[in-house]
Amino acid sequence: FGGVWMRLARVPSEQGGSIAGPLIVSAIATFITAWVLAGSA
């Protein structure tokens, strides 16, 4: 779904730059979500 997402979100295919920052933010947010889910479960 990457191509569809890029078109719908209007993300340029050649935006350049590192994706390390967004991946780190995503990993932290995902860890928090998993932690909350485990506690809620």
PDB file of all heavy atoms in Angstrom:
ATOM      1  N   PHE A   1       0.797  -1.222   0.000  1.00  0.00           N
ATOM      2  CA  PHE A   1       0.000   0.000   0.000  1.00  0.00           C
ATOM      3  C   PHE A   1       0.832   1.277   0.000  1.00  0.00           C
ATOM      4  O   PHE A   1       0.278   2.380   0.079  1.00  0.00           O
ATOM      5  CB  PHE A   1      -0.932   0.024   1.216  1.00  0.00           C
ATOM      6  CG  PHE A   1      -1.872  -1.147   1.271  1.00  0.00           C
ATOM      7  CD1 PHE A   1      -1.748  -2.107   2.262  1.00  0.00           C
ATOM      8  CD2 PHE A   1      -2.872  -1.299   0.320  1.00  0.00           C
ATOM      9  CE1 PHE A   1      -2.614  -3.187   2.321  1.00  0.00           C
ATOM     10  CE2 PHE A   1      -3.740  -2.381   0.367  1.00  0.00           C
ATOM     11  CZ  PHE A   1      -3.612  -3.329   1.370  1.00  0.00           C
ATOM     12  N   GLY A   2       2.157   1.160  -0.073  1.00  0.00           N
ATOM     13  CA  GLY A   2       3.031   2.329   0.016  1.00  0.00           C
ATOM     14  C   GLY A   2       2.770   3.362  -1.056  1.00  0.00           C
ATOM     15  O   GLY A   2       2.682   4.558  -0.778  1.00  0.00           O
ATOM     16  N   GLY A   3       2.633   2.916  -2.294  1.00  0.00           N
ATOM     17  CA  GLY A   3       2.380   3.851  -3.395  1.00  0.00           C
ATOM     18  C   GLY A   3       1.037   4.544  -3.260  1.00  0.00           C
ATOM     19  O   GLY A   3       0.921   5.757  -3.485  1.00  0.00           O
ATOM     20  N   VAL A   4       0.027   3.781  -2.884  1.00  0.00           N
ATOM     21  CA  VAL A   4      -1.313   4.349  -2.687  1.00  0.00           C
ATOM     22  C   VAL A   4      -1.274   5.363  -1.550  1.00  0.00           C
ATOM     23  O   VAL A   4      -1.821   6.463  -1.662  1.00  0.00           O
ATOM     24  CB  VAL A   4      -2.341   3.234  -2.388  1.00  0.00           C
ATOM     25  CG1 VAL A   4      -3.696   3.820  -2.039  1.00  0.00           C
ATOM     26  CG2 VAL A   4      -2.443   2.272  -3.559  1.00  0.00           C
ATOM     27  N   TRP A   5      -0.609   4.996  -0.455  1.00  0.00           N
ATOM     28  CA  TRP A   5      -0.506   5.904   0.692  1.00  0.00           C
ATOM     29  C   TRP A   5       0.197   7.202   0.292  1.00  0.00           C
ATOM     30  O   TRP A   5      -0.266   8.300   0.643  1.00  0.00           O
ATOM     31  CB  TRP A   5       0.239   5.223   1.843  1.00  0.00           C
ATOM     32  CG  TRP A   5       0.545   6.164   2.965  1.00  0.00           C
ATOM     33  CD1 TRP A   5      -0.314   6.590   3.932  1.00  0.00           C
ATOM     34  CD2 TRP A   5       1.788   6.821   3.206  1.00  0.00           C
ATOM     35  NE1 TRP A   5       0.320   7.471   4.773  1.00  0.00           N
ATOM     36  CE2 TRP A   5       1.616   7.634   4.342  1.00  0.00           C
ATOM     37  CE3 TRP A   5       3.025   6.805   2.579  1.00  0.00           C
ATOM     38  CZ2 TRP A   5       2.639   8.415   4.858  1.00  0.00           C
ATOM     39  CZ3 TRP A   5       4.046   7.576   3.101  1.00  0.00           C
ATOM     40  CH2 TRP A   5       3.844   8.377   4.224  1.00  0.00           C
ATOM     41  N   MET A   6       1.313   7.096  -0.431  1.00  0.00           N
ATOM     42  CA  MET A   6       2.058   8.291  -0.837  1.00  0.00           C
ATOM     43  C   MET A   6       1.193   9.215  -1.694  1.00  0.00           C
ATOM     44  O   MET A   6       1.220  10.431  -1.528  1.00  0.00           O
ATOM     45  CB  MET A   6       3.334   7.901  -1.580  1.00  0.00           C
ATOM     46  CG  MET A   6       4.375   7.280  -0.661  1.00  0.00           C
ATOM     47  SD  MET A   6       5.869   6.790  -1.521  1.00  0.00           S
ATOM     48  CE  MET A   6       6.657   8.384  -1.672  1.00  0.00           C
ATOM     49  N   ARG A   7       0.410   8.629  -2.597  1.00  0.00           N
ATOM     50  CA  ARG A   7      -0.458   9.437  -3.453  1.00  0.00           C
ATOM     51  C   ARG A   7      -1.566  10.097  -2.633  1.00  0.00           C
ATOM     52  O   ARG A   7      -1.803  11.299  -2.747  1.00  0.00           O
ATOM     53  CB  ARG A   7      -1.052   8.565  -4.563  1.00  0.00           C
ATOM     54  CG  ARG A   7      -1.965   9.330  -5.521  1.00  0.00           C
ATOM     55  CD  ARG A   7      -2.488   8.453  -6.652  1.00  0.00           C
ATOM     56  NE  ARG A   7      -3.015   7.160  -6.250  1.00  0.00           N
ATOM     57  CZ  ARG A   7      -4.230   6.964  -5.722  1.00  0.00           C
ATOM     58  NH1 ARG A   7      -5.033   7.992  -5.505  1.00  0.00           N
ATOM     59  NH2 ARG A   7      -4.638   5.752  -5.395  1.00  0.00           N
ATOM     60  N   LEU A   8      -2.230   9.324  -1.791  1.00  0.00           N
ATOM     61  CA  LEU A   8      -3.346   9.862  -0.999  1.00  0.00           C
ATOM     62  C   LEU A   8      -2.879  10.888   0.033  1.00  0.00           C
ATOM     63  O   LEU A   8      -3.567  11.875   0.285  1.00  0.00           O
ATOM     64  CB  LEU A   8      -4.089   8.727  -0.293  1.00  0.00           C
ATOM     65  CG  LEU A   8      -4.877   7.780  -1.192  1.00  0.00           C
ATOM     66  CD1 LEU A   8      -5.369   6.582  -0.392  1.00  0.00           C
ATOM     67  CD2 LEU A   8      -6.048   8.505  -1.857  1.00  0.00           C
ATOM     68  N   ALA A   9      -1.708  10.653   0.629  1.00  0.00           N
ATOM     69  CA  ALA A   9      -1.180  11.565   1.648  1.00  0.00           C
ATOM     70  C   ALA A   9      -0.398  12.722   1.032  1.00  0.00           C
ATOM     71  O   ALA A   9       0.070  13.602   1.745  1.00  0.00           O
ATOM     72  CB  ALA A   9      -0.299  10.801   2.634  1.00  0.00           C
ATOM     73  N   ARG A  10      -0.250  12.672  -0.279  1.00  0.00           N
ATOM     74  CA  ARG A  10       0.492  13.703  -1.022  1.00  0.00           C
ATOM     75  C   ARG A  10       1.936  13.821  -0.530  1.00  0.00           C
ATOM     76  O   ARG A  10       2.451  14.920  -0.315  1.00  0.00           O
ATOM     77  CB  ARG A  10      -0.228  15.042  -0.957  1.00  0.00           C
ATOM     78  CG  ARG A  10      -1.594  15.013  -1.617  1.00  0.00           C
ATOM     79  CD  ARG A  10      -2.255  16.380  -1.579  1.00  0.00           C
ATOM     80  NE  ARG A  10      -3.589  16.305  -2.138  1.00  0.00           N
ATOM     81  CZ  ARG A  10      -4.708  16.180  -1.429  1.00  0.00           C
ATOM     82  NH1 ARG A  10      -4.638  16.118  -0.122  1.00  0.00           N
ATOM     83  NH2 ARG A  10      -5.881  16.122  -2.009  1.00  0.00           N
ATOM     84  N   VAL A  11       2.565  12.657  -0.358  1.00  0.00           N
ATOM     85  CA  VAL A  11       3.961  12.597   0.046  1.00  0.00           C
ATOM     86  C   VAL A  11       4.790  12.459  -1.220  1.00  0.00           C
ATOM     87  O   VAL A  11       4.575  11.518  -1.995  1.00  0.00           O
ATOM     88  CB  VAL A  11       4.225  11.396   0.987  1.00  0.00           C
ATOM     89  CG1 VAL A  11       5.697  11.238   1.294  1.00  0.00           C
ATOM     90  CG2 VAL A  11       3.414  11.542   2.265  1.00  0.00           C
ATOM     91  N   PRO A  12       5.723  13.368  -1.451  1.00  0.00           N
ATOM     92  CA  PRO A  12       6.547  13.249  -2.660  1.00  0.00           C
ATOM     93  C   PRO A  12       7.423  12.002  -2.609  1.00  0.00           C
ATOM     94  O   PRO A  12       7.956  11.661  -1.556  1.00  0.00           O
ATOM     95  CB  PRO A  12       7.398  14.522  -2.666  1.00  0.00           C
ATOM     96  CG  PRO A  12       7.322  15.066  -1.282  1.00  0.00           C
ATOM     97  CD  PRO A  12       6.077  14.534  -0.653  1.00  0.00           C
ATOM     98  N   SER A  13       7.553  11.326  -3.729  1.00  0.00           N
ATOM     99  CA  SER A  13       8.326  10.086  -3.756  1.00  0.00           C
ATOM    100  C   SER A  13       9.812  10.339  -3.561  1.00  0.00           C
ATOM    101  O   SER A  13      10.542   9.459  -3.128  1.00  0.00           O
ATOM    102  CB  SER A  13       8.088   9.336  -5.067  1.00  0.00           C
ATOM    103  OG  SER A  13       8.451  10.136  -6.161  1.00  0.00           O
ATOM    104  N   GLU A  14      10.276  11.525  -3.850  1.00  0.00           N
ATOM    105  CA  GLU A  14      11.691  11.869  -3.697  1.00  0.00           C
ATOM    106  C   GLU A  14      11.850  12.957  -2.641  1.00  0.00           C
ATOM    107  O   GLU A  14      12.346  14.033  -2.913  1.00  0.00           O
ATOM    108  CB  GLU A  14      12.265  12.341  -5.041  1.00  0.00           C
ATOM    109  CG  GLU A  14      12.205  11.314  -6.146  1.00  0.00           C
ATOM    110  CD  GLU A  14      12.999  10.065  -5.860  1.00  0.00           C
ATOM    111  OE1 GLU A  14      14.049  10.165  -5.198  1.00  0.00           O
ATOM    112  OE2 GLU A  14      12.571   8.985  -6.296  1.00  0.00           O
ATOM    113  N   GLN A  15      11.407  12.685  -1.419  1.00  0.00           N
ATOM    114  CA  GLN A  15      11.477  13.725  -0.396  1.00  0.00           C
ATOM    115  C   GLN A  15      12.856  13.840   0.238  1.00  0.00           C
ATOM    116  O   GLN A  15      13.160  14.814   0.890  1.00  0.00           O
ATOM    117  CB  GLN A  15      10.404  13.535   0.666  1.00  0.00           C
ATOM    118  CG  GLN A  15      10.571  12.329   1.553  1.00  0.00           C
ATOM    119  CD  GLN A  15       9.456  12.231   2.569  1.00  0.00           C
ATOM    120  OE1 GLN A  15       8.432  12.879   2.457  1.00  0.00           O
ATOM    121  NE2 GLN A  15       9.664  11.429   3.575  1.00  0.00           N
ATOM    122  N   GLY A  16      13.707  12.845   0.036  1.00  0.00           N
ATOM    123  CA  GLY A  16      15.075  12.911   0.550  1.00  0.00           C
ATOM    124  C   GLY A  16      15.138  12.872   2.065  1.00  0.00           C
ATOM    125  O   GLY A  16      14.137  12.800   2.754  1.00  0.00           O
ATOM    126  N   GLY A  17      16.339  12.929   2.580  1.00  0.00           N
ATOM    127  CA  GLY A  17      16.528  12.936   4.027  1.00  0.00           C
ATOM    128  C   GLY A  17      16.476  11.540   4.615  1.00  0.00           C
ATOM    129  O   GLY A  17      16.121  10.566   3.974  1.00  0.00           O
ATOM    130  N   SER A  18      16.833  11.475   5.865  1.00  0.00           N
ATOM    131  CA  SER A  18      16.877  10.218   6.583  1.00  0.00           C
ATOM    132  C   SER A  18      15.518   9.897   7.193  1.00  0.00           C
ATOM    133  O   SER A  18      14.805  10.792   7.658  1.00  0.00           O
ATOM    134  CB  SER A  18      17.931  10.305   7.697  1.00  0.00           C
ATOM    135  OG  SER A  18      17.875   9.173   8.513  1.00  0.00           O
ATOM    136  N   ILE A  19      15.183   8.622   7.205  1.00  0.00           N
ATOM    137  CA  ILE A  19      13.951   8.209   7.872  1.00  0.00           C
ATOM    138  C   ILE A  19      14.231   7.694   9.282  1.00  0.00           C
ATOM    139  O   ILE A  19      13.334   7.207   9.949  1.00  0.00           O
ATOM    140  CB  ILE A  19      13.191   7.142   7.050  1.00  0.00           C
ATOM    141  CG1 ILE A  19      14.014   5.858   6.912  1.00  0.00           C
ATOM    142  CG2 ILE A  19      12.776   7.678   5.703  1.00  0.00           C
ATOM    143  CD1 ILE A  19      13.219   4.677   6.427  1.00  0.00           C
ATOM    144  N   ALA A  20      15.471   7.842   9.731  1.00  0.00           N
ATOM    145  CA  ALA A  20      15.840   7.353  11.066  1.00  0.00           C
ATOM    146  C   ALA A  20      15.003   8.029  12.150  1.00  0.00           C
ATOM    147  O   ALA A  20      14.511   7.347  13.058  1.00  0.00           O
ATOM    148  CB  ALA A  20      17.327   7.573  11.321  1.00  0.00           C
ATOM    149  N   GLY A  21      14.852   9.330  12.065  1.00  0.00           N
ATOM    150  CA  GLY A  21      14.073  10.056  13.076  1.00  0.00           C
ATOM    151  C   GLY A  21      12.643   9.567  13.175  1.00  0.00           C
ATOM    152  O   GLY A  21      12.183   9.192  14.270  1.00  0.00           O
ATOM    153  N   PRO A  22      11.909   9.539  12.052  1.00  0.00           N
ATOM    154  CA  PRO A  22      10.542   9.028  12.113  1.00  0.00           C
ATOM    155  C   PRO A  22      10.453   7.572  12.584  1.00  0.00           C
ATOM    156  O   PRO A  22       9.513   7.211  13.284  1.00  0.00           O
ATOM    157  CB  PRO A  22      10.042   9.168  10.669  1.00  0.00           C
ATOM    158  CG  PRO A  22      10.850  10.282  10.100  1.00  0.00           C
ATOM    159  CD  PRO A  22      12.200  10.150  10.753  1.00  0.00           C
ATOM    160  N   LEU A  23      11.437   6.750  12.224  1.00  0.00           N
ATOM    161  CA  LEU A  23      11.414   5.358  12.680  1.00  0.00           C
ATOM    162  C   LEU A  23      11.624   5.255  14.183  1.00  0.00           C
ATOM    163  O   LEU A  23      10.996   4.421  14.852  1.00  0.00           O
ATOM    164  CB  LEU A  23      12.467   4.531  11.939  1.00  0.00           C
ATOM    165  CG  LEU A  23      12.119   4.138  10.507  1.00  0.00           C
ATOM    166  CD1 LEU A  23      13.293   3.418   9.847  1.00  0.00           C
ATOM    167  CD2 LEU A  23      10.868   3.285  10.455  1.00  0.00           C
ATOM    168  N   ILE A  24      12.485   6.087  14.732  1.00  0.00           N
ATOM    169  CA  ILE A  24      12.701   6.091  16.184  1.00  0.00           C
ATOM    170  C   ILE A  24      11.436   6.544  16.909  1.00  0.00           C
ATOM    171  O   ILE A  24      11.014   5.920  17.883  1.00  0.00           O
ATOM    172  CB  ILE A  24      13.916   6.976  16.559  1.00  0.00           C
ATOM    173  CG1 ILE A  24      15.209   6.322  16.060  1.00  0.00           C
ATOM    174  CG2 ILE A  24      13.973   7.228  18.062  1.00  0.00           C
ATOM    175  CD1 ILE A  24      16.433   7.212  16.132  1.00  0.00           C
ATOM    176  N   VAL A  25      10.818   7.608  16.404  1.00  0.00           N
ATOM    177  CA  VAL A  25       9.562   8.093  16.995  1.00  0.00           C
ATOM    178  C   VAL A  25       8.496   6.999  16.917  1.00  0.00           C
ATOM    179  O   VAL A  25       7.782   6.740  17.888  1.00  0.00           O
ATOM    180  CB  VAL A  25       9.086   9.383  16.300  1.00  0.00           C
ATOM    181  CG1 VAL A  25       7.676   9.741  16.705  1.00  0.00           C
ATOM    182  CG2 VAL A  25      10.045  10.527  16.593  1.00  0.00           C
ATOM    183  N   SER A  26       8.412   6.346  15.769  1.00  0.00           N
ATOM    184  CA  SER A  26       7.436   5.273  15.589  1.00  0.00           C
ATOM    185  C   SER A  26       7.696   4.116  16.546  1.00  0.00           C
ATOM    186  O   SER A  26       6.758   3.567  17.139  1.00  0.00           O
ATOM    187  CB  SER A  26       7.471   4.785  14.139  1.00  0.00           C
ATOM    188  OG  SER A  26       6.552   3.742  13.947  1.00  0.00           O
ATOM    189  N   ALA A  27       8.947   3.737  16.719  1.00  0.00           N
ATOM    190  CA  ALA A  27       9.283   2.638  17.622  1.00  0.00           C
ATOM    191  C   ALA A  27       8.916   2.976  19.066  1.00  0.00           C
ATOM    192  O   ALA A  27       8.371   2.130  19.787  1.00  0.00           O
ATOM    193  CB  ALA A  27      10.765   2.291  17.513  1.00  0.00           C
ATOM    194  N   ILE A  28       9.172   4.200  19.475  1.00  0.00           N
ATOM    195  CA  ILE A  28       8.825   4.620  20.846  1.00  0.00           C
ATOM    196  C   ILE A  28       7.312   4.625  21.032  1.00  0.00           C
ATOM    197  O   ILE A  28       6.792   4.098  22.025  1.00  0.00           O
ATOM    198  CB  ILE A  28       9.443   6.000  21.169  1.00  0.00           C
ATOM    199  CG1 ILE A  28      10.968   5.897  21.234  1.00  0.00           C
ATOM    200  CG2 ILE A  28       8.871   6.562  22.470  1.00  0.00           C
ATOM    201  CD1 ILE A  28      11.694   7.228  21.268  1.00  0.00           C
ATOM    202  N   ALA A  29       6.592   5.196  20.066  1.00  0.00           N
ATOM    203  CA  ALA A  29       5.128   5.237  20.148  1.00  0.00           C
ATOM    204  C   ALA A  29       4.542   3.827  20.141  1.00  0.00           C
ATOM    205  O   ALA A  29       3.591   3.530  20.883  1.00  0.00           O
ATOM    206  CB  ALA A  29       4.563   6.061  18.994  1.00  0.00           C
ATOM    207  N   THR A  30       5.116   2.959  19.334  1.00  0.00           N
ATOM    208  CA  THR A  30       4.634   1.578  19.257  1.00  0.00           C
ATOM    209  C   THR A  30       4.904   0.839  20.562  1.00  0.00           C
ATOM    210  O   THR A  30       4.057   0.080  21.044  1.00  0.00           O
ATOM    211  CB  THR A  30       5.287   0.851  18.067  1.00  0.00           C
ATOM    212  OG1 THR A  30       4.982   1.587  16.868  1.00  0.00           O
ATOM    213  CG2 THR A  30       4.790  -0.563  17.925  1.00  0.00           C
ATOM    214  N   PHE A  31       6.067   1.075  21.162  1.00  0.00           N
ATOM    215  CA  PHE A  31       6.377   0.466  22.459  1.00  0.00           C
ATOM    216  C   PHE A  31       5.358   0.918  23.508  1.00  0.00           C
ATOM    217  O   PHE A  31       4.854   0.095  24.290  1.00  0.00           O
ATOM    218  CB  PHE A  31       7.792   0.836  22.896  1.00  0.00           C
ATOM    219  CG  PHE A  31       8.148   0.328  24.254  1.00  0.00           C
ATOM    220  CD1 PHE A  31       8.610  -0.969  24.416  1.00  0.00           C
ATOM    221  CD2 PHE A  31       8.012   1.137  25.381  1.00  0.00           C
ATOM    222  CE1 PHE A  31       8.939  -1.460  25.686  1.00  0.00           C
ATOM    223  CE2 PHE A  31       8.335   0.658  26.640  1.00  0.00           C
ATOM    224  CZ  PHE A  31       8.797  -0.642  26.796  1.00  0.00           C
ATOM    225  N   ILE A  32       5.035   2.200  23.527  1.00  0.00           N
ATOM    226  CA  ILE A  32       4.050   2.719  24.485  1.00  0.00           C
ATOM    227  C   ILE A  32       2.691   2.068  24.252  1.00  0.00           C
ATOM    228  O   ILE A  32       2.013   1.660  25.207  1.00  0.00           O
ATOM    229  CB  ILE A  32       3.966   4.257  24.408  1.00  0.00           C
ATOM    230  CG1 ILE A  32       5.275   4.880  24.912  1.00  0.00           C
ATOM    231  CG2 ILE A  32       2.766   4.787  25.188  1.00  0.00           C
ATOM    232  CD1 ILE A  32       5.414   6.361  24.604  1.00  0.00           C
ATOM    233  N   THR A  33       2.292   1.943  22.996  1.00  0.00           N
ATOM    234  CA  THR A  33       1.015   1.308  22.670  1.00  0.00           C
ATOM    235  C   THR A  33       1.005  -0.141  23.136  1.00  0.00           C
ATOM    236  O   THR A  33       0.016  -0.602  23.731  1.00  0.00           O
ATOM    237  CB  THR A  33       0.742   1.390  21.154  1.00  0.00           C
ATOM    238  OG1 THR A  33       0.722   2.755  20.755  1.00  0.00           O
ATOM    239  CG2 THR A  33      -0.577   0.731  20.791  1.00  0.00           C
ATOM    240  N   ALA A  34       2.089  -0.866  22.883  1.00  0.00           N
ATOM    241  CA  ALA A  34       2.161  -2.261  23.312  1.00  0.00           C
ATOM    242  C   ALA A  34       2.115  -2.365  24.838  1.00  0.00           C
ATOM    243  O   ALA A  34       1.465  -3.258  25.390  1.00  0.00           O
ATOM    244  CB  ALA A  34       3.430  -2.918  22.755  1.00  0.00           C
ATOM    245  N   TRP A  35       2.778  -1.447  25.511  1.00  0.00           N
ATOM    246  CA  TRP A  35       2.789  -1.434  26.982  1.00  0.00           C
ATOM    247  C   TRP A  35       1.370  -1.210  27.526  1.00  0.00           C
ATOM    248  O   TRP A  35       0.915  -1.921  28.426  1.00  0.00           O
ATOM    249  CB  TRP A  35       3.734  -0.345  27.471  1.00  0.00           C
ATOM    250  CG  TRP A  35       3.916  -0.327  28.959  1.00  0.00           C
ATOM    251  CD1 TRP A  35       3.139   0.303  29.878  1.00  0.00           C
ATOM    252  CD2 TRP A  35       4.940  -0.987  29.696  1.00  0.00           C
ATOM    253  NE1 TRP A  35       3.618   0.074  31.139  1.00  0.00           N
ATOM    254  CE2 TRP A  35       4.725  -0.716  31.056  1.00  0.00           C
ATOM    255  CE3 TRP A  35       6.029  -1.778  29.331  1.00  0.00           C
ATOM    256  CZ2 TRP A  35       5.552  -1.210  32.046  1.00  0.00           C
ATOM    257  CZ3 TRP A  35       6.850  -2.263  30.322  1.00  0.00           C
ATOM    258  CH2 TRP A  35       6.604  -1.987  31.661  1.00  0.00           C
ATOM    259  N   VAL A  36       0.677  -0.241  26.954  1.00  0.00           N
ATOM    260  CA  VAL A  36      -0.693   0.060  27.394  1.00  0.00           C
ATOM    261  C   VAL A  36      -1.618  -1.118  27.084  1.00  0.00           C
ATOM    262  O   VAL A  36      -2.469  -1.488  27.904  1.00  0.00           O
ATOM    263  CB  VAL A  36      -1.203   1.369  26.747  1.00  0.00           C
ATOM    264  CG1 VAL A  36      -2.694   1.558  26.978  1.00  0.00           C
ATOM    265  CG2 VAL A  36      -0.417   2.561  27.279  1.00  0.00           C
ATOM    266  N   LEU A  37      -1.445  -1.714  25.916  1.00  0.00           N
ATOM    267  CA  LEU A  37      -2.265  -2.884  25.564  1.00  0.00           C
ATOM    268  C   LEU A  37      -2.007  -4.023  26.540  1.00  0.00           C
ATOM    269  O   LEU A  37      -2.956  -4.666  27.009  1.00  0.00           O
ATOM    270  CB  LEU A  37      -1.988  -3.325  24.131  1.00  0.00           C
ATOM    271  CG  LEU A  37      -2.709  -4.592  23.680  1.00  0.00           C
ATOM    272  CD1 LEU A  37      -4.225  -4.451  23.822  1.00  0.00           C
ATOM    273  CD2 LEU A  37      -2.330  -4.932  22.246  1.00  0.00           C
ATOM    274  N   ALA A  38      -0.756  -4.281  26.871  1.00  0.00           N
ATOM    275  CA  ALA A  38      -0.435  -5.364  27.820  1.00  0.00           C
ATOM    276  C   ALA A  38      -1.056  -5.097  29.188  1.00  0.00           C
ATOM    277  O   ALA A  38      -1.624  -6.006  29.806  1.00  0.00           O
ATOM    278  CB  ALA A  38       1.078  -5.521  27.935  1.00  0.00           C
ATOM    279  N   GLY A  39      -0.976  -3.857  29.650  1.00  0.00           N
ATOM    280  CA  GLY A  39      -1.583  -3.513  30.937  1.00  0.00           C
ATOM    281  C   GLY A  39      -3.095  -3.625  30.900  1.00  0.00           C
ATOM    282  O   GLY A  39      -3.724  -4.154  31.828  1.00  0.00           O
ATOM    283  N   SER A  40      -3.693  -3.153  29.817  1.00  0.00           N
ATOM    284  CA  SER A  40      -5.154  -3.233  29.670  1.00  0.00           C
ATOM    285  C   SER A  40      -5.611  -4.682  29.560  1.00  0.00           C
ATOM    286  O   SER A  40      -6.653  -5.058  30.116  1.00  0.00           O
ATOM    287  CB  SER A  40      -5.593  -2.457  28.430  1.00  0.00           C
ATOM    288  OG  SER A  40      -5.242  -1.101  28.547  1.00  0.00           O
ATOM    289  N   ALA A  41      -4.832  -5.498  28.862  1.00  0.00           N
ATOM    290  CA  ALA A  41      -5.178  -6.915  28.731  1.00  0.00           C
ATOM    291  C   ALA A  41      -5.106  -7.620  30.085  1.00  0.00           C
ATOM    292  O   ALA A  41      -5.947  -8.465  30.399  1.00  0.00           O
ATOM    293  CB  ALA A  41      -4.240  -7.586  27.726  1.00  0.00           C
TER     294      ALA A  41
END
